[in-house]
Amino acid sequence: MKSAQQLKHAVEEKSIIGNFSKEHEKFLTERRTQQRREEAAVPPWVGYIEEEEMKKQILALSKVIYFIFFSNQN
């Protein structure tokens, strides 16, 4: 069992396959990170035909909810 682990370690460290595996993992990690950034940075109205009108309505709704929440705090 120990020799199999040593062989695996040697292949990973000193071969093209090992280098490929490391680069592939690095690529996948960077890709996931970029996807999270792209998904997190897009407002909900982006991509719709009437973006500007949708933006105004969503932001107006936020103000109404804020007003209702804080007006009931008395």
PDB file of N, CA and C in Angstrom:
ATOM      1  N   MET A   1       0.829  -1.193   0.000  1.00  0.00           N
ATOM      2  CA  MET A   1       0.000   0.000   0.000  1.00  0.00           C
ATOM      3  C   MET A   1       0.869   1.251   0.000  1.00  0.00           C
ATOM      4  N   LYS A   2       1.939   1.207   0.778  1.00  0.00           N
ATOM      5  CA  LYS A   2       2.822   2.355   0.866  1.00  0.00           C
ATOM      6  C   LYS A   2       3.541   2.609  -0.456  1.00  0.00           C
ATOM      7  N   SER A   3       3.933   1.559  -1.129  1.00  0.00           N
ATOM      8  CA  SER A   3       4.631   1.727  -2.407  1.00  0.00           C
ATOM      9  C   SER A   3       3.698   2.288  -3.478  1.00  0.00           C
ATOM     10  N   ALA A   4       2.425   1.927  -3.416  1.00  0.00           N
ATOM     11  CA  ALA A   4       1.458   2.482  -4.364  1.00  0.00           C
ATOM     12  C   ALA A   4       1.305   3.981  -4.141  1.00  0.00           C
ATOM     13  N   GLN A   5       1.269   4.402  -2.901  1.00  0.00           N
ATOM     14  CA  GLN A   5       1.169   5.831  -2.594  1.00  0.00           C
ATOM     15  C   GLN A   5       2.431   6.574  -3.022  1.00  0.00           C
ATOM     16  N   GLN A   6       3.576   5.938  -2.829  1.00  0.00           N
ATOM     17  CA  GLN A   6       4.827   6.552  -3.243  1.00  0.00           C
ATOM     18  C   GLN A   6       4.881   6.694  -4.760  1.00  0.00           C
ATOM     19  N   LEU A   7       4.411   5.669  -5.462  1.00  0.00           N
ATOM     20  CA  LEU A   7       4.379   5.714  -6.923  1.00  0.00           C
ATOM     21  C   LEU A   7       3.441   6.819  -7.405  1.00  0.00           C
ATOM     22  N   LYS A   8       2.279   6.890  -6.794  1.00  0.00           N
ATOM     23  CA  LYS A   8       1.316   7.928  -7.157  1.00  0.00           C
ATOM     24  C   LYS A   8       1.920   9.308  -6.926  1.00  0.00           C
ATOM     25  N   HIS A   9       2.564   9.478  -5.789  1.00  0.00           N
ATOM     26  CA  HIS A   9       3.184  10.759  -5.467  1.00  0.00           C
ATOM     27  C   HIS A   9       4.286  11.103  -6.481  1.00  0.00           C
ATOM     28  N   ALA A  10       5.097  10.122  -6.838  1.00  0.00           N
ATOM     29  CA  ALA A  10       6.173  10.344  -7.801  1.00  0.00           C
ATOM     30  C   ALA A  10       5.613  10.728  -9.168  1.00  0.00           C
ATOM     31  N   VAL A  11       4.546  10.065  -9.590  1.00  0.00           N
ATOM     32  CA  VAL A  11       3.930  10.375 -10.887  1.00  0.00           C
ATOM     33  C   VAL A  11       3.345  11.778 -10.870  1.00  0.00           C
ATOM     34  N   GLU A  12       2.682  12.130  -9.772  1.00  0.00           N
ATOM     35  CA  GLU A  12       2.069  13.452  -9.683  1.00  0.00           C
ATOM     36  C   GLU A  12       3.120  14.560  -9.648  1.00  0.00           C
ATOM     37  N   GLU A  13       4.218  14.316  -8.999  1.00  0.00           N
ATOM     38  CA  GLU A  13       5.233  15.345  -8.825  1.00  0.00           C
ATOM     39  C   GLU A  13       6.181  15.482 -10.010  1.00  0.00           C
ATOM     40  N   LYS A  14       6.457  14.390 -10.714  1.00  0.00           N
ATOM     41  CA  LYS A  14       7.553  14.418 -11.682  1.00  0.00           C
ATOM     42  C   LYS A  14       7.161  14.074 -13.107  1.00  0.00           C
ATOM     43  N   SER A  15       5.890  14.127 -13.428  1.00  0.00           N
ATOM     44  CA  SER A  15       5.508  13.750 -14.790  1.00  0.00           C
ATOM     45  C   SER A  15       4.633  14.819 -15.425  1.00  0.00           C
ATOM     46  N   ILE A  16       4.433  14.672 -16.700  1.00  0.00           N
ATOM     47  CA  ILE A  16       3.555  15.578 -17.439  1.00  0.00           C
ATOM     48  C   ILE A  16       2.127  15.441 -16.931  1.00  0.00           C
ATOM     49  N   ILE A  17       1.737  14.233 -16.590  1.00  0.00           N
ATOM     50  CA  ILE A  17       0.387  14.003 -16.064  1.00  0.00           C
ATOM     51  C   ILE A  17       0.188  14.779 -14.769  1.00  0.00           C
ATOM     52  N   GLY A  18       1.189  14.764 -13.922  1.00  0.00           N
ATOM     53  CA  GLY A  18       1.110  15.522 -12.674  1.00  0.00           C
ATOM     54  C   GLY A  18       0.991  17.012 -12.921  1.00  0.00           C
ATOM     55  N   ASN A  19       1.796  17.516 -13.851  1.00  0.00           N
ATOM     56  CA  ASN A  19       1.721  18.937 -14.199  1.00  0.00           C
ATOM     57  C   ASN A  19       0.361  19.283 -14.784  1.00  0.00           C
ATOM     58  N   PHE A  20      -0.137  18.420 -15.644  1.00  0.00           N
ATOM     59  CA  PHE A  20      -1.454  18.642 -16.233  1.00  0.00           C
ATOM     60  C   PHE A  20      -2.533  18.678 -15.160  1.00  0.00           C
ATOM     61  N   SER A  21      -2.470  17.741 -14.222  1.00  0.00           N
ATOM     62  CA  SER A  21      -3.471  17.693 -13.145  1.00  0.00           C
ATOM     63  C   SER A  21      -3.450  18.971 -12.313  1.00  0.00           C
ATOM     64  N   LYS A  22      -2.264  19.451 -12.004  1.00  0.00           N
ATOM     65  CA  LYS A  22      -2.156  20.689 -11.222  1.00  0.00           C
ATOM     66  C   LYS A  22      -2.713  21.877 -11.997  1.00  0.00           C
ATOM     67  N   GLU A  23      -2.360  21.974 -13.245  1.00  0.00           N
ATOM     68  CA  GLU A  23      -2.850  23.080 -14.073  1.00  0.00           C
ATOM     69  C   GLU A  23      -4.362  23.001 -14.266  1.00  0.00           C
ATOM     70  N   HIS A  24      -4.875  21.800 -14.415  1.00  0.00           N
ATOM     71  CA  HIS A  24      -6.315  21.618 -14.586  1.00  0.00           C
ATOM     72  C   HIS A  24      -7.063  22.056 -13.333  1.00  0.00           C
ATOM     73  N   GLU A  25      -6.571  21.670 -12.169  1.00  0.00           N
ATOM     74  CA  GLU A  25      -7.195  22.086 -10.908  1.00  0.00           C
ATOM     75  C   GLU A  25      -7.139  23.603 -10.756  1.00  0.00           C
ATOM     76  N   LYS A  26      -6.011  24.195 -11.114  1.00  0.00           N
ATOM     77  CA  LYS A  26      -5.870  25.649 -11.039  1.00  0.00           C
ATOM     78  C   LYS A  26      -6.871  26.330 -11.971  1.00  0.00           C
ATOM     79  N   PHE A  27      -6.997  25.807 -13.177  1.00  0.00           N
ATOM     80  CA  PHE A  27      -7.950  26.349 -14.149  1.00  0.00           C
ATOM     81  C   PHE A  27      -9.383  26.268 -13.623  1.00  0.00           C
ATOM     82  N   LEU A  28      -9.758  25.110 -13.084  1.00  0.00           N
ATOM     83  CA  LEU A  28     -11.118  24.945 -12.574  1.00  0.00           C
ATOM     84  C   LEU A  28     -11.404  25.888 -11.413  1.00  0.00           C
ATOM     85  N   THR A  29     -10.440  26.059 -10.532  1.00  0.00           N
ATOM     86  CA  THR A  29     -10.612  26.966  -9.401  1.00  0.00           C
ATOM     87  C   THR A  29     -10.793  28.404  -9.881  1.00  0.00           C
ATOM     88  N   GLU A  30      -9.961  28.838 -10.815  1.00  0.00           N
ATOM     89  CA  GLU A  30     -10.079  30.190 -11.357  1.00  0.00           C
ATOM     90  C   GLU A  30     -11.407  30.388 -12.079  1.00  0.00           C
ATOM     91  N   ARG A  31     -11.828  29.372 -12.797  1.00  0.00           N
ATOM     92  CA  ARG A  31     -13.095  29.460 -13.536  1.00  0.00           C
ATOM     93  C   ARG A  31     -14.277  29.593 -12.579  1.00  0.00           C
ATOM     94  N   ARG A  32     -14.285  28.778 -11.515  1.00  0.00           N
ATOM     95  CA  ARG A  32     -15.366  28.877 -10.520  1.00  0.00           C
ATOM     96  C   ARG A  32     -15.380  30.250  -9.863  1.00  0.00           C
ATOM     97  N   THR A  33     -14.210  30.766  -9.545  1.00  0.00           N
ATOM     98  CA  THR A  33     -14.116  32.080  -8.914  1.00  0.00           C
ATOM     99  C   THR A  33     -14.657  33.156  -9.844  1.00  0.00           C
ATOM    100  N   GLN A  34     -14.292  33.103 -11.099  1.00  0.00           N
ATOM    101  CA  GLN A  34     -14.764  34.088 -12.070  1.00  0.00           C
ATOM    102  C   GLN A  34     -16.277  33.992 -12.244  1.00  0.00           C
ATOM    103  N   GLN A  35     -16.825  32.794 -12.298  1.00  0.00           N
ATOM    104  CA  GLN A  35     -18.267  32.631 -12.458  1.00  0.00           C
ATOM    105  C   GLN A  35     -19.003  33.224 -11.272  1.00  0.00           C
ATOM    106  N   ARG A  36     -18.484  33.019 -10.067  1.00  0.00           N
ATOM    107  CA  ARG A  36     -19.127  33.593  -8.879  1.00  0.00           C
ATOM    108  C   ARG A  36     -19.109  35.111  -8.939  1.00  0.00           C
ATOM    109  N   ARG A  37     -17.994  35.679  -9.366  1.00  0.00           N
ATOM    110  CA  ARG A  37     -17.910  37.139  -9.472  1.00  0.00           C
ATOM    111  C   ARG A  37     -18.903  37.670 -10.493  1.00  0.00           C
ATOM    112  N   GLU A  38     -18.988  37.008 -11.636  1.00  0.00           N
ATOM    113  CA  GLU A  38     -19.894  37.456 -12.690  1.00  0.00           C
ATOM    114  C   GLU A  38     -21.341  37.339 -12.252  1.00  0.00           C
ATOM    115  N   GLU A  39     -21.683  36.262 -11.587  1.00  0.00           N
ATOM    116  CA  GLU A  39     -23.059  36.063 -11.141  1.00  0.00           C
ATOM    117  C   GLU A  39     -23.432  37.058 -10.055  1.00  0.00           C
ATOM    118  N   ALA A  40     -22.517  37.366  -9.172  1.00  0.00           N
ATOM    119  CA  ALA A  40     -22.802  38.234  -8.047  1.00  0.00           C
ATOM    120  C   ALA A  40     -22.894  39.705  -8.451  1.00  0.00           C
ATOM    121  N   ALA A  41     -22.299  40.095  -9.543  1.00  0.00           N
ATOM    122  CA  ALA A  41     -22.197  41.506  -9.892  1.00  0.00           C
ATOM    123  C   ALA A  41     -23.301  42.007 -10.822  1.00  0.00           C
ATOM    124  N   VAL A  42     -24.260  41.186 -11.178  1.00  0.00           N
ATOM    125  CA  VAL A  42     -25.269  41.589 -12.154  1.00  0.00           C
ATOM    126  C   VAL A  42     -26.582  41.929 -11.440  1.00  0.00           C
ATOM    127  N   PRO A  43     -27.044  43.175 -11.584  1.00  0.00           N
ATOM    128  CA  PRO A  43     -28.334  43.549 -11.005  1.00  0.00           C
ATOM    129  C   PRO A  43     -29.472  42.777 -11.689  1.00  0.00           C
ATOM    130  N   PRO A  44     -30.593  42.617 -11.025  1.00  0.00           N
ATOM    131  CA  PRO A  44     -31.679  41.790 -11.576  1.00  0.00           C
ATOM    132  C   PRO A  44     -32.312  42.331 -12.854  1.00  0.00           C
ATOM    133  N   TRP A  45     -32.179  43.602 -13.149  1.00  0.00           N
ATOM    134  CA  TRP A  45     -32.821  44.168 -14.334  1.00  0.00           C
ATOM    135  C   TRP A  45     -31.957  44.105 -15.589  1.00  0.00           C
ATOM    136  N   VAL A  46     -30.709  43.725 -15.452  1.00  0.00           N
ATOM    137  CA  VAL A  46     -29.798  43.687 -16.602  1.00  0.00           C
ATOM    138  C   VAL A  46     -30.204  42.572 -17.565  1.00  0.00           C
ATOM    139  N   GLY A  47     -30.285  42.909 -18.840  1.00  0.00           N
ATOM    140  CA  GLY A  47     -30.593  41.933 -19.867  1.00  0.00           C
ATOM    141  C   GLY A  47     -32.035  41.968 -20.337  1.00  0.00           C
ATOM    142  N   TYR A  48     -32.874  42.739 -19.656  1.00  0.00           N
ATOM    143  CA  TYR A  48     -34.259  42.833 -20.082  1.00  0.00           C
ATOM    144  C   TYR A  48     -34.429  43.947 -21.107  1.00  0.00           C
ATOM    145  N   ILE A  49     -35.483  43.878 -21.889  1.00  0.00           N
ATOM    146  CA  ILE A  49     -35.718  44.837 -22.970  1.00  0.00           C
ATOM    147  C   ILE A  49     -35.858  46.254 -22.414  1.00  0.00           C
ATOM    148  N   GLU A  50     -36.646  46.409 -21.372  1.00  0.00           N
ATOM    149  CA  GLU A  50     -36.871  47.729 -20.783  1.00  0.00           C
ATOM    150  C   GLU A  50     -36.089  47.848 -19.477  1.00  0.00           C
ATOM    151  N   GLU A  51     -34.793  47.776 -19.587  1.00  0.00           N
ATOM    152  CA  GLU A  51     -33.919  47.774 -18.411  1.00  0.00           C
ATOM    153  C   GLU A  51     -34.139  48.977 -17.505  1.00  0.00           C
ATOM    154  N   GLU A  52     -34.160  50.152 -18.094  1.00  0.00           N
ATOM    155  CA  GLU A  52     -34.244  51.380 -17.291  1.00  0.00           C
ATOM    156  C   GLU A  52     -35.557  51.448 -16.508  1.00  0.00           C
ATOM    157  N   GLU A  53     -36.660  51.089 -17.152  1.00  0.00           N
ATOM    158  CA  GLU A  53     -37.967  51.105 -16.474  1.00  0.00           C
ATOM    159  C   GLU A  53     -38.016  50.050 -15.369  1.00  0.00           C
ATOM    160  N   MET A  54     -37.493  48.892 -15.660  1.00  0.00           N
ATOM    161  CA  MET A  54     -37.456  47.826 -14.661  1.00  0.00           C
ATOM    162  C   MET A  54     -36.605  48.240 -13.464  1.00  0.00           C
ATOM    163  N   LYS A  55     -35.484  48.889 -13.720  1.00  0.00           N
ATOM    164  CA  LYS A  55     -34.609  49.367 -12.645  1.00  0.00           C
ATOM    165  C   LYS A  55     -35.361  50.347 -11.750  1.00  0.00           C
ATOM    166  N   LYS A  56     -36.059  51.281 -12.366  1.00  0.00           N
ATOM    167  CA  LYS A  56     -36.825  52.267 -11.587  1.00  0.00           C
ATOM    168  C   LYS A  56     -37.876  51.588 -10.716  1.00  0.00           C
ATOM    169  N   GLN A  57     -38.581  50.608 -11.265  1.00  0.00           N
ATOM    170  CA  GLN A  57     -39.635  49.926 -10.512  1.00  0.00           C
ATOM    171  C   GLN A  57     -39.058  49.121  -9.347  1.00  0.00           C
ATOM    172  N   ILE A  58     -37.969  48.445  -9.580  1.00  0.00           N
ATOM    173  CA  ILE A  58     -37.356  47.640  -8.516  1.00  0.00           C
ATOM    174  C   ILE A  58     -36.835  48.541  -7.403  1.00  0.00           C
ATOM    175  N   LEU A  59     -36.172  49.627  -7.768  1.00  0.00           N
ATOM    176  CA  LEU A  59     -35.660  50.537  -6.747  1.00  0.00           C
ATOM    177  C   LEU A  59     -36.788  51.239  -6.006  1.00  0.00           C
ATOM    178  N   ALA A  60     -37.879  51.553  -6.692  1.00  0.00           N
ATOM    179  CA  ALA A  60     -39.039  52.156  -6.029  1.00  0.00           C
ATOM    180  C   ALA A  60     -39.654  51.170  -5.040  1.00  0.00           C
ATOM    181  N   LEU A  61     -39.716  49.914  -5.405  1.00  0.00           N
ATOM    182  CA  LEU A  61     -40.238  48.891  -4.506  1.00  0.00           C
ATOM    183  C   LEU A  61     -39.373  48.779  -3.255  1.00  0.00           C
ATOM    184  N   SER A  62     -38.080  48.883  -3.419  1.00  0.00           N
ATOM    185  CA  SER A  62     -37.173  48.842  -2.277  1.00  0.00           C
ATOM    186  C   SER A  62     -37.458  49.987  -1.311  1.00  0.00           C
ATOM    187  N   LYS A  63     -37.747  51.167  -1.845  1.00  0.00           N
ATOM    188  CA  LYS A  63     -38.069  52.323  -0.990  1.00  0.00           C
ATOM    189  C   LYS A  63     -39.374  52.099  -0.236  1.00  0.00           C
ATOM    190  N   VAL A  64     -40.361  51.509  -0.894  1.00  0.00           N
ATOM    191  CA  VAL A  64     -41.647  51.242  -0.244  1.00  0.00           C
ATOM    192  C   VAL A  64     -41.450  50.246   0.899  1.00  0.00           C
ATOM    193  N   ILE A  65     -40.726  49.191   0.660  1.00  0.00           N
ATOM    194  CA  ILE A  65     -40.486  48.191   1.696  1.00  0.00           C
ATOM    195  C   ILE A  65     -39.714  48.813   2.854  1.00  0.00           C
ATOM    196  N   TYR A  66     -38.727  49.644   2.563  1.00  0.00           N
ATOM    197  CA  TYR A  66     -37.952  50.333   3.596  1.00  0.00           C
ATOM    198  C   TYR A  66     -38.872  51.221   4.433  1.00  0.00           C
ATOM    199  N   PHE A  67     -39.747  51.982   3.766  1.00  0.00           N
ATOM    200  CA  PHE A  67     -40.669  52.880   4.468  1.00  0.00           C
ATOM    201  C   PHE A  67     -41.616  52.101   5.364  1.00  0.00           C
ATOM    202  N   ILE A  68     -42.189  51.014   4.841  1.00  0.00           N
ATOM    203  CA  ILE A  68     -43.120  50.191   5.623  1.00  0.00           C
ATOM    204  C   ILE A  68     -42.409  49.590   6.839  1.00  0.00           C
ATOM    205  N   PHE A  69     -41.219  49.091   6.657  1.00  0.00           N
ATOM    206  CA  PHE A  69     -40.481  48.472   7.746  1.00  0.00           C
ATOM    207  C   PHE A  69     -40.160  49.470   8.845  1.00  0.00           C
ATOM    208  N   PHE A  70     -39.639  50.636   8.468  1.00  0.00           N
ATOM    209  CA  PHE A  70     -39.218  51.609   9.480  1.00  0.00           C
ATOM    210  C   PHE A  70     -40.360  52.444  10.015  1.00  0.00           C
ATOM    211  N   SER A  71     -41.465  52.551   9.311  1.00  0.00           N
ATOM    212  CA  SER A  71     -42.605  53.308   9.843  1.00  0.00           C
ATOM    213  C   SER A  71     -43.323  52.507  10.939  1.00  0.00           C
ATOM    214  N   ASN A  72     -43.161  51.184  10.948  1.00  0.00           N
ATOM    215  CA  ASN A  72     -43.779  50.338  11.973  1.00  0.00           C
ATOM    216  C   ASN A  72     -42.889  50.150  13.192  1.00  0.00           C
ATOM    217  N   GLN A  73     -41.747  50.781  13.233  1.00  0.00           N
ATOM    218  CA  GLN A  73     -40.799  50.619  14.333  1.00  0.00           C
ATOM    219  C   GLN A  73     -41.182  51.462  15.553  1.00  0.00           C
ATOM    220  N   ASN A  74     -42.134  52.363  15.434  1.00  0.00           N
ATOM    221  CA  ASN A  74     -42.526  53.239  16.556  1.00  0.00           C
ATOM    222  C   ASN A  74     -43.176  52.510  17.640  1.00  0.00           C
TER     223      ASN A  74
END
